[in-house]
Amino acid sequence: MNKLKYILILIFGLGVFSVNGQDLLVLRSSALKTTDSVLVYKPVSYDVKVNYPVVYLLHGHSANYKTWSRLAALQSMADNYKFIVVCPDGLKRSWYMNSTNPDSAQYEDFFMKELMPKINNTYKTDQAKVFVTGASMGGFGAMNLFLNHPDVFLSAGSTSGVLNLRHSGFKKTTIAYLLGAYSEENKAFDVYSPVNRLESVKGLKKTLIFDCGTEDYLYKANNQFRQKLDDLKIRATYIAQPGGHTGTYWTKSIIAHFDFFYELANKA
C-alpha cells in the first residue's frame, strides 16, 4: 500500500482499499484506543442486488489479520461458498473480549459496535446468516462472542479452541492481564470459559461446529466441551482427528467449518 494513502486512512479514521479483489479496511476504534486492520474477501461474482452470508474468521494468539490468508485460500473459499469472509486483527493477545482491566482494549465492544456495523453498512450482508469461527485464541473468541450474542450469530465454530481458559498456556500471562492474576480462587477464569457458559444457549435450537487434534494440548478441554454439549442436549458437530496445535492442522480443519456454515446458510 502507498504510504500516503495509508496516512490518509489514519487521518480520517477509516479507510477501504481494494487489492486483487480483497478489501483492506483500517478502522480507528474508540473501544480499542487504536486502529484495527481488517481483510475482507468478497465473491468474484459479488452483486449489490444480493445479500451474502458473512463468516468472521478469527486468528490465534500472537498472529494478525493476515494469518488466515496464509493458511487458507480465502478468495477461493469466498467464491465457492458465496460468503463474505472477514478477518479482523485480534491485536495479538486481545482474546477478542472486553477486559476487566480498564486500561486494556475492549475488543468485544469494538467487534459488536464498530466492526459489524461497518461491515453491514459497506457490504450487502444477510444479517440472518452471520457466522463466527477461529483457531486457538480465535476459537475462544468465536465461542465467547456467540455465547454473548446468540441472537446475532446463526452459528459458531472453533478449531483447536481454548474452550476452558484454565487449560491455556497463556493463563498466567496475557489472559491474566485481561482477567487478573491466575489462581484457583480467581473465578473469572471459569466465568469466561465457554465450557461453563453453554446453559445460556440451551433451548435456542442453535447448532455448533468444533474440532481438535488428538495430539493438541487442548484436546482434553475440547472433550470437556463436547461432554457439556451432550449433557445439555445442544446440537453440535465435533471432529476429533490426528493433529497438533499447528497452522498445518488449521489449513485442513477450517474447510469443515465452511462446509457446515454453507449447509446452514442454505437451509435457513
Foldseek 3Di string as FASTA:
>chain_A
DDPVVVVVCVVVQWDWDDDPQKIWIWHRDPLQNGIKIKIKHAAPPADQVDAAEEEEEEEAAQDFQCVVVVLAVVNVLCNVLVYIYMRITCVRQVLQAQFPPPVHGHRVCCVPVPVVVVCVVPGRHDQLQYEYEYEASSNLNRLLSCLVCVVRHLEYEYENYPQQLVLDPCNQPSVCVRQNGDDPPSCVSVVSRNLNRCVSCQPVQGEYEYEYEPAESCPVVVVSSVVSCVVSVHHYHYYYHHDYRDSNVVSPVVVVVSVVSSVVVVVD
